[in-house]
């Protein structure tokens, strides 16, 4: 009975360009997760701390500064998450 191939086995068999693209994709995912965690987690904690310290104006200013960054992280994430077949058919139309 054959064992299913793991991600590392698939990467070893893939051409170099596919390996490079796969690594880039994983870096993008990790950077997006880290940015989202900082913006939503760290930002929320900082806003809560400022709010409970009685600095409501500073908390509001921080929220208004973080909100566009959070929106950018979310829009980047969903903009890059499209099926490969949609990208290929879009490339075929442009040629």
N, C-alpha and C. Protein backbone atom coordinates (compact mmCIF):
# COMPACT_ATOMS: atom_id res chain seq x y z
N UNK A 1 0.85 -1.17 0.00
CA UNK A 1 0.00 0.00 0.00
C UNK A 1 0.90 1.24 0.00
N UNK A 2 0.65 2.16 -0.94
CA UNK A 2 1.47 3.35 -1.07
C UNK A 2 1.07 4.42 -0.06
N UNK A 3 2.05 5.09 0.50
CA UNK A 3 1.77 6.18 1.41
C UNK A 3 1.58 7.46 0.61
N UNK A 4 0.66 8.32 1.03
CA UNK A 4 0.49 9.59 0.32
C UNK A 4 1.75 10.44 0.45
N UNK A 5 2.06 11.18 -0.61
CA UNK A 5 3.24 12.03 -0.60
C UNK A 5 3.03 13.21 0.33
N UNK A 6 4.08 13.56 1.02
CA UNK A 6 4.02 14.75 1.88
C UNK A 6 4.41 15.98 1.08
N UNK A 7 4.22 17.14 1.66
CA UNK A 7 4.54 18.41 1.00
C UNK A 7 6.02 18.47 0.64
N UNK A 8 6.88 18.00 1.55
CA UNK A 8 8.32 18.06 1.28
C UNK A 8 8.71 17.12 0.14
N UNK A 9 8.06 15.96 0.04
CA UNK A 9 8.34 15.05 -1.06
C UNK A 9 7.89 15.64 -2.39
N UNK A 10 6.76 16.34 -2.37
CA UNK A 10 6.27 16.97 -3.59
C UNK A 10 7.22 18.08 -4.02
N UNK A 11 7.74 18.84 -3.06
CA UNK A 11 8.66 19.92 -3.37
C UNK A 11 9.97 19.39 -3.95
N UNK A 12 10.43 18.23 -3.46
CA UNK A 12 11.67 17.65 -3.98
C UNK A 12 11.53 17.24 -5.43
N UNK A 13 10.35 16.83 -5.83
CA UNK A 13 10.13 16.37 -7.19
C UNK A 13 9.76 17.50 -8.14
N UNK A 14 9.36 18.64 -7.61
CA UNK A 14 8.92 19.76 -8.44
C UNK A 14 10.13 20.48 -9.03
N UNK A 15 9.94 21.10 -10.19
CA UNK A 15 11.03 21.90 -10.76
C UNK A 15 11.39 23.07 -9.85
N UNK A 16 12.58 23.62 -10.06
CA UNK A 16 13.09 24.69 -9.19
C UNK A 16 12.17 25.90 -9.16
N UNK A 17 11.58 26.28 -10.28
CA UNK A 17 10.71 27.45 -10.31
C UNK A 17 9.46 27.23 -9.45
N UNK A 18 8.93 26.02 -9.48
CA UNK A 18 7.77 25.72 -8.64
C UNK A 18 8.14 25.72 -7.16
N UNK A 19 9.34 25.23 -6.85
CA UNK A 19 9.80 25.26 -5.46
C UNK A 19 9.92 26.70 -4.97
N UNK A 20 10.51 27.53 -5.80
CA UNK A 20 10.70 28.93 -5.43
C UNK A 20 9.35 29.61 -5.23
N UNK A 21 8.41 29.38 -6.13
CA UNK A 21 7.08 29.99 -6.01
C UNK A 21 6.35 29.49 -4.77
N UNK A 22 6.52 28.21 -4.46
CA UNK A 22 5.89 27.66 -3.26
C UNK A 22 6.46 28.31 -2.00
N UNK A 23 7.80 28.49 -1.98
CA UNK A 23 8.42 29.15 -0.83
C UNK A 23 7.94 30.59 -0.70
N UNK A 24 7.86 31.30 -1.81
CA UNK A 24 7.37 32.68 -1.79
C UNK A 24 5.95 32.74 -1.26
N UNK A 25 5.14 31.80 -1.70
CA UNK A 25 3.76 31.76 -1.25
C UNK A 25 3.68 31.56 0.26
N UNK A 26 4.50 30.67 0.79
CA UNK A 26 4.49 30.42 2.23
C UNK A 26 4.98 31.65 3.00
N UNK A 27 5.96 32.35 2.47
CA UNK A 27 6.44 33.57 3.13
C UNK A 27 5.32 34.60 3.16
N UNK A 28 4.60 34.75 2.05
CA UNK A 28 3.48 35.70 2.01
C UNK A 28 2.43 35.34 3.06
N UNK A 29 2.15 34.06 3.18
CA UNK A 29 1.15 33.62 4.15
C UNK A 29 1.61 33.95 5.57
N UNK A 30 2.87 33.63 5.90
CA UNK A 30 3.37 33.90 7.25
C UNK A 30 3.41 35.39 7.54
N UNK A 31 3.84 36.20 6.57
CA UNK A 31 3.89 37.64 6.78
C UNK A 31 2.48 38.20 6.98
N UNK A 32 1.54 37.71 6.20
CA UNK A 32 0.16 38.17 6.34
C UNK A 32 -0.41 37.79 7.70
N UNK A 33 -0.16 36.56 8.14
CA UNK A 33 -0.62 36.14 9.47
C UNK A 33 0.03 36.99 10.56
N UNK A 34 1.32 37.25 10.46
CA UNK A 34 2.01 38.05 11.46
C UNK A 34 1.46 39.48 11.49
N UNK A 35 1.25 40.07 10.32
CA UNK A 35 0.71 41.43 10.27
C UNK A 35 -0.70 41.46 10.85
N UNK A 36 -1.51 40.48 10.50
CA UNK A 36 -2.88 40.44 11.02
C UNK A 36 -2.87 40.25 12.54
N UNK A 37 -1.99 39.39 13.03
CA UNK A 37 -1.92 39.17 14.49
C UNK A 37 -1.49 40.45 15.20
N UNK A 38 -0.52 41.17 14.63
CA UNK A 38 -0.08 42.41 15.25
C UNK A 38 -1.18 43.46 15.20
N UNK A 39 -1.79 43.63 14.03
CA UNK A 39 -2.80 44.68 13.88
C UNK A 39 -4.02 44.40 14.73
N UNK A 40 -4.54 43.18 14.63
CA UNK A 40 -5.78 42.87 15.34
C UNK A 40 -5.55 42.49 16.79
N UNK A 41 -4.52 41.72 17.06
CA UNK A 41 -4.24 41.31 18.44
C UNK A 41 -3.54 42.40 19.23
N UNK A 42 -2.36 42.81 18.76
CA UNK A 42 -1.58 43.83 19.45
C UNK A 42 -2.30 45.16 19.49
N UNK A 43 -2.91 45.54 18.38
CA UNK A 43 -3.65 46.79 18.33
C UNK A 43 -4.82 46.80 19.29
N UNK A 44 -5.55 45.70 19.33
CA UNK A 44 -6.69 45.62 20.24
C UNK A 44 -6.25 45.71 21.70
N UNK A 45 -5.14 45.07 22.01
CA UNK A 45 -4.63 45.14 23.39
C UNK A 45 -4.20 46.56 23.74
N UNK A 46 -3.47 47.20 22.82
CA UNK A 46 -3.04 48.58 23.08
C UNK A 46 -4.22 49.52 23.22
N UNK A 47 -5.22 49.36 22.38
CA UNK A 47 -6.42 50.20 22.47
C UNK A 47 -7.12 49.98 23.80
N UNK A 48 -7.26 48.71 24.21
CA UNK A 48 -7.91 48.42 25.49
C UNK A 48 -7.14 49.02 26.66
N UNK A 49 -5.81 48.90 26.63
CA UNK A 49 -4.99 49.45 27.71
C UNK A 49 -5.17 50.97 27.78
N UNK A 50 -5.08 51.62 26.62
CA UNK A 50 -5.27 53.08 26.61
C UNK A 50 -6.66 53.47 27.09
N UNK A 51 -7.66 52.72 26.66
CA UNK A 51 -9.03 53.03 27.06
C UNK A 51 -9.22 52.91 28.56
N UNK A 52 -8.70 51.83 29.15
CA UNK A 52 -8.87 51.62 30.59
C UNK A 52 -7.98 52.53 31.43
N UNK A 53 -6.96 53.12 30.80
CA UNK A 53 -6.13 54.10 31.51
C UNK A 53 -6.79 55.48 31.50
N UNK A 54 -7.93 55.58 30.83
CA UNK A 54 -8.64 56.85 30.79
C UNK A 54 -8.20 57.74 29.64
N UNK A 55 -7.47 57.18 28.70
CA UNK A 55 -7.00 57.95 27.55
C UNK A 55 -7.83 57.57 26.32
N UNK A 56 -9.10 57.92 26.36
CA UNK A 56 -10.03 57.56 25.29
C UNK A 56 -9.68 58.20 23.96
N UNK A 57 -9.18 59.44 23.98
CA UNK A 57 -8.82 60.11 22.73
C UNK A 57 -7.64 59.42 22.05
N UNK A 58 -6.63 59.03 22.85
CA UNK A 58 -5.48 58.33 22.28
C UNK A 58 -5.89 56.94 21.76
N UNK A 59 -6.81 56.27 22.47
CA UNK A 59 -7.30 54.97 22.02
C UNK A 59 -8.03 55.09 20.70
N UNK A 60 -8.84 56.15 20.57
CA UNK A 60 -9.56 56.38 19.31
C UNK A 60 -8.58 56.69 18.18
N UNK A 61 -7.57 57.52 18.47
CA UNK A 61 -6.57 57.84 17.45
C UNK A 61 -5.81 56.60 17.00
N UNK A 62 -5.45 55.74 17.95
CA UNK A 62 -4.76 54.51 17.60
C UNK A 62 -5.66 53.61 16.76
N UNK A 63 -6.92 53.51 17.12
CA UNK A 63 -7.87 52.71 16.35
C UNK A 63 -7.96 53.23 14.92
N UNK A 64 -8.07 54.55 14.77
CA UNK A 64 -8.18 55.14 13.44
C UNK A 64 -6.88 55.00 12.63
N UNK A 65 -5.75 54.87 13.31
CA UNK A 65 -4.49 54.63 12.62
C UNK A 65 -4.33 53.18 12.20
N UNK A 66 -4.83 52.27 13.02
CA UNK A 66 -4.69 50.84 12.75
C UNK A 66 -5.73 50.35 11.74
N UNK A 67 -6.89 50.96 11.71
CA UNK A 67 -7.98 50.48 10.86
C UNK A 67 -7.58 50.37 9.38
N UNK A 68 -6.94 51.37 8.76
CA UNK A 68 -6.57 51.21 7.35
C UNK A 68 -5.55 50.10 7.12
N UNK A 69 -4.65 49.91 8.09
CA UNK A 69 -3.66 48.84 7.96
C UNK A 69 -4.35 47.49 8.01
N UNK A 70 -5.30 47.34 8.93
CA UNK A 70 -6.07 46.10 9.02
C UNK A 70 -6.86 45.84 7.76
N UNK A 71 -7.46 46.88 7.20
CA UNK A 71 -8.21 46.73 5.95
C UNK A 71 -7.28 46.33 4.81
N UNK A 72 -6.06 46.88 4.79
CA UNK A 72 -5.10 46.52 3.74
C UNK A 72 -4.67 45.06 3.86
N UNK A 73 -4.45 44.61 5.09
CA UNK A 73 -4.06 43.20 5.29
C UNK A 73 -5.18 42.27 4.82
N UNK A 74 -6.40 42.58 5.19
CA UNK A 74 -7.54 41.75 4.78
C UNK A 74 -7.72 41.77 3.28
N UNK A 75 -7.66 42.94 2.67
CA UNK A 75 -7.87 43.02 1.22
C UNK A 75 -6.74 42.33 0.46
N UNK A 76 -5.49 42.44 0.94
CA UNK A 76 -4.40 41.72 0.30
C UNK A 76 -4.63 40.21 0.38
N UNK A 77 -5.03 39.74 1.54
CA UNK A 77 -5.25 38.32 1.74
C UNK A 77 -6.30 37.78 0.76
N UNK A 78 -7.44 38.45 0.68
CA UNK A 78 -8.49 37.96 -0.20
C UNK A 78 -8.19 38.21 -1.67
N UNK A 79 -7.43 39.23 -1.98
CA UNK A 79 -7.08 39.51 -3.38
C UNK A 79 -6.13 38.46 -3.93
N UNK A 80 -5.28 37.90 -3.07
CA UNK A 80 -4.33 36.90 -3.54
C UNK A 80 -4.88 35.48 -3.45
N UNK A 81 -6.03 35.28 -2.88
CA UNK A 81 -6.60 33.95 -2.71
C UNK A 81 -7.59 33.64 -3.82
N UNK A 82 -7.11 33.43 -5.02
CA UNK A 82 -8.01 33.03 -6.10
C UNK A 82 -7.54 31.71 -6.66
N UNK A 83 -8.46 30.97 -7.23
CA UNK A 83 -8.10 29.66 -7.75
C UNK A 83 -7.11 29.77 -8.91
N UNK A 84 -6.26 28.78 -9.04
CA UNK A 84 -5.26 28.79 -10.10
C UNK A 84 -5.91 28.76 -11.48
N UNK A 85 -7.04 28.08 -11.62
CA UNK A 85 -7.70 28.00 -12.91
C UNK A 85 -8.20 29.37 -13.36
N UNK A 86 -8.61 30.22 -12.42
CA UNK A 86 -9.07 31.56 -12.77
C UNK A 86 -7.91 32.40 -13.27
N UNK A 87 -6.74 32.22 -12.67
CA UNK A 87 -5.57 32.98 -13.11
C UNK A 87 -5.14 32.53 -14.49
N UNK A 88 -5.16 31.23 -14.72
CA UNK A 88 -4.75 30.72 -16.02
C UNK A 88 -5.69 31.16 -17.12
N UNK A 89 -7.01 31.13 -16.88
CA UNK A 89 -7.95 31.55 -17.90
C UNK A 89 -7.85 33.05 -18.16
N UNK A 90 -7.50 33.83 -17.12
CA UNK A 90 -7.31 35.26 -17.30
C UNK A 90 -6.08 35.54 -18.13
N UNK A 91 -5.03 34.74 -17.95
CA UNK A 91 -3.81 34.90 -18.75
C UNK A 91 -4.07 34.55 -20.20
N UNK A 92 -4.89 33.55 -20.43
CA UNK A 92 -5.18 33.13 -21.80
C UNK A 92 -5.96 34.22 -22.54
N UNK A 93 -6.82 34.96 -21.86
CA UNK A 93 -7.59 36.02 -22.47
C UNK A 93 -6.70 37.21 -22.87
N UNK A 94 -5.65 37.45 -22.08
CA UNK A 94 -4.77 38.58 -22.36
C UNK A 94 -3.84 38.33 -23.52
N UNK A 95 -3.65 37.09 -23.93
CA UNK A 95 -2.71 36.78 -25.01
C UNK A 95 -3.37 36.81 -26.35
